């Protein structure tokens, strides 16, 4: 089981992306997580967040 807390704005964006594909938010998130390039995209997001907050 994966539990994630997200803010309202992000949830609304996820709902929109999922709706465009005729999917539930849960299915959309799972499909995104299993994409082949997820690890690379996640690492880039972590690095960007660290730069934003000044963590190195």
N, C-alpha and C. Protein backbone atom coordinates (compact mmCIF):
# COMPACT_ATOMS: atom_id res chain seq x y z
N UNK A 1 0.84 -1.16 0.00
CA UNK A 1 0.00 0.00 0.00
C UNK A 1 0.90 1.24 0.00
N UNK A 2 0.52 2.20 -0.79
CA UNK A 2 1.23 3.47 -0.87
C UNK A 2 0.28 4.56 -0.42
N UNK A 3 0.74 5.37 0.50
CA UNK A 3 -0.07 6.48 0.98
C UNK A 3 0.71 7.77 0.72
N UNK A 4 0.05 8.72 0.08
CA UNK A 4 0.71 9.96 -0.29
C UNK A 4 -0.19 11.14 0.09
N UNK A 5 0.40 12.15 0.69
CA UNK A 5 -0.34 13.37 0.97
C UNK A 5 0.00 14.40 -0.09
N UNK A 6 -1.03 14.96 -0.69
CA UNK A 6 -0.82 15.99 -1.70
C UNK A 6 -1.78 17.13 -1.45
N UNK A 7 -1.41 18.30 -1.91
CA UNK A 7 -2.29 19.45 -1.70
C UNK A 7 -3.44 19.45 -2.71
N UNK A 8 -4.41 20.28 -2.45
CA UNK A 8 -5.62 20.33 -3.27
C UNK A 8 -5.31 20.66 -4.73
N UNK A 9 -4.41 21.60 -4.96
CA UNK A 9 -4.08 22.01 -6.33
C UNK A 9 -3.51 20.84 -7.13
N UNK A 10 -2.60 20.10 -6.53
CA UNK A 10 -2.01 18.94 -7.22
C UNK A 10 -3.06 17.87 -7.46
N UNK A 11 -3.94 17.63 -6.48
CA UNK A 11 -4.99 16.64 -6.67
C UNK A 11 -5.88 17.01 -7.85
N UNK A 12 -6.22 18.28 -7.97
CA UNK A 12 -7.05 18.72 -9.08
C UNK A 12 -6.34 18.50 -10.42
N UNK A 13 -5.04 18.78 -10.46
CA UNK A 13 -4.27 18.54 -11.68
C UNK A 13 -4.26 17.06 -12.03
N UNK A 14 -4.06 16.20 -11.02
CA UNK A 14 -4.06 14.77 -11.25
C UNK A 14 -5.42 14.29 -11.75
N UNK A 15 -6.49 14.84 -11.17
CA UNK A 15 -7.83 14.48 -11.62
C UNK A 15 -8.02 14.83 -13.09
N UNK A 16 -7.52 15.99 -13.50
CA UNK A 16 -7.63 16.41 -14.89
C UNK A 16 -6.87 15.50 -15.83
N UNK A 17 -5.63 15.17 -15.47
CA UNK A 17 -4.83 14.27 -16.29
C UNK A 17 -5.48 12.90 -16.40
N UNK A 18 -5.98 12.40 -15.27
CA UNK A 18 -6.62 11.09 -15.26
C UNK A 18 -7.90 11.10 -16.10
N UNK A 19 -8.69 12.15 -15.96
CA UNK A 19 -9.95 12.24 -16.71
C UNK A 19 -9.71 12.24 -18.21
N UNK A 20 -8.66 12.93 -18.66
CA UNK A 20 -8.34 12.96 -20.09
C UNK A 20 -8.08 11.57 -20.63
N UNK A 21 -7.62 10.68 -19.76
CA UNK A 21 -7.29 9.32 -20.19
C UNK A 21 -8.38 8.32 -19.80
N UNK A 22 -9.48 8.82 -19.22
CA UNK A 22 -10.56 7.94 -18.81
C UNK A 22 -10.18 7.02 -17.67
N UNK A 23 -9.34 7.51 -16.76
CA UNK A 23 -8.82 6.69 -15.67
C UNK A 23 -9.19 7.32 -14.33
N UNK A 24 -9.10 6.51 -13.28
CA UNK A 24 -9.22 7.06 -11.93
C UNK A 24 -7.88 7.69 -11.56
N UNK A 25 -7.89 8.53 -10.55
CA UNK A 25 -6.64 9.14 -10.10
C UNK A 25 -5.67 8.05 -9.63
N UNK A 26 -6.19 7.06 -8.92
CA UNK A 26 -5.34 5.98 -8.43
C UNK A 26 -4.68 5.23 -9.58
N UNK A 27 -5.47 4.90 -10.60
CA UNK A 27 -4.91 4.19 -11.75
C UNK A 27 -3.88 5.04 -12.48
N UNK A 28 -4.16 6.32 -12.61
CA UNK A 28 -3.23 7.23 -13.29
C UNK A 28 -1.90 7.29 -12.53
N UNK A 29 -1.96 7.41 -11.21
CA UNK A 29 -0.73 7.48 -10.40
C UNK A 29 0.05 6.18 -10.52
N UNK A 30 -0.63 5.05 -10.42
CA UNK A 30 0.06 3.76 -10.53
C UNK A 30 0.71 3.62 -11.90
N UNK A 31 -0.03 3.98 -12.94
CA UNK A 31 0.53 3.88 -14.30
C UNK A 31 1.77 4.78 -14.43
N UNK A 32 1.71 5.95 -13.83
CA UNK A 32 2.86 6.86 -13.87
C UNK A 32 4.05 6.26 -13.13
N UNK A 33 3.80 5.63 -12.01
CA UNK A 33 4.88 5.05 -11.22
C UNK A 33 5.57 3.90 -11.92
N UNK A 34 4.85 3.17 -12.78
CA UNK A 34 5.48 2.01 -13.43
C UNK A 34 6.12 2.36 -14.77
N UNK A 35 6.03 3.62 -15.16
CA UNK A 35 6.68 4.01 -16.42
C UNK A 35 8.18 3.77 -16.32
N UNK A 36 8.77 3.40 -17.42
CA UNK A 36 10.19 3.07 -17.45
C UNK A 36 11.08 4.23 -17.03
N UNK A 37 10.66 5.46 -17.32
CA UNK A 37 11.51 6.59 -17.00
C UNK A 37 11.16 7.23 -15.65
N UNK A 38 10.35 6.57 -14.84
CA UNK A 38 9.94 7.17 -13.58
C UNK A 38 11.13 7.46 -12.68
N UNK A 39 12.06 6.52 -12.55
CA UNK A 39 13.21 6.73 -11.67
C UNK A 39 13.98 7.98 -12.05
N UNK A 40 14.20 8.16 -13.35
CA UNK A 40 14.95 9.34 -13.81
C UNK A 40 14.17 10.63 -13.54
N UNK A 41 12.88 10.60 -13.81
CA UNK A 41 12.04 11.78 -13.59
C UNK A 41 11.94 12.10 -12.10
N UNK A 42 11.82 11.06 -11.25
CA UNK A 42 11.74 11.27 -9.82
C UNK A 42 13.04 11.86 -9.29
N UNK A 43 14.16 11.33 -9.73
CA UNK A 43 15.46 11.85 -9.28
C UNK A 43 15.62 13.31 -9.68
N UNK A 44 15.22 13.66 -10.89
CA UNK A 44 15.30 15.05 -11.34
C UNK A 44 14.42 15.95 -10.47
N UNK A 45 13.24 15.46 -10.10
CA UNK A 45 12.34 16.24 -9.24
C UNK A 45 12.94 16.43 -7.85
N UNK A 46 13.56 15.39 -7.31
CA UNK A 46 14.20 15.49 -6.00
C UNK A 46 15.33 16.51 -6.06
N UNK A 47 16.15 16.44 -7.08
CA UNK A 47 17.27 17.38 -7.21
C UNK A 47 16.77 18.82 -7.35
N UNK A 48 15.72 19.02 -8.12
CA UNK A 48 15.16 20.36 -8.28
C UNK A 48 14.60 20.87 -6.95
N UNK A 49 13.94 20.01 -6.21
CA UNK A 49 13.40 20.40 -4.91
C UNK A 49 14.53 20.76 -3.95
N UNK A 50 15.58 19.97 -3.96
CA UNK A 50 16.73 20.26 -3.10
C UNK A 50 17.37 21.60 -3.45
N UNK A 51 17.49 21.88 -4.75
CA UNK A 51 18.05 23.17 -5.16
C UNK A 51 17.13 24.31 -4.71
N UNK A 52 15.83 24.12 -4.83
CA UNK A 52 14.86 25.14 -4.46
C UNK A 52 14.98 25.47 -2.97
N UNK A 53 15.12 24.44 -2.13
CA UNK A 53 15.21 24.65 -0.69
C UNK A 53 16.63 24.83 -0.19
N UNK A 54 17.60 24.82 -1.09
CA UNK A 54 18.98 25.05 -0.71
C UNK A 54 19.64 23.87 -0.01
N UNK A 55 19.12 22.68 -0.22
CA UNK A 55 19.69 21.47 0.37
C UNK A 55 20.65 20.88 -0.63
N UNK A 56 21.86 20.59 -0.19
CA UNK A 56 22.84 19.98 -1.10
C UNK A 56 23.50 18.80 -0.48
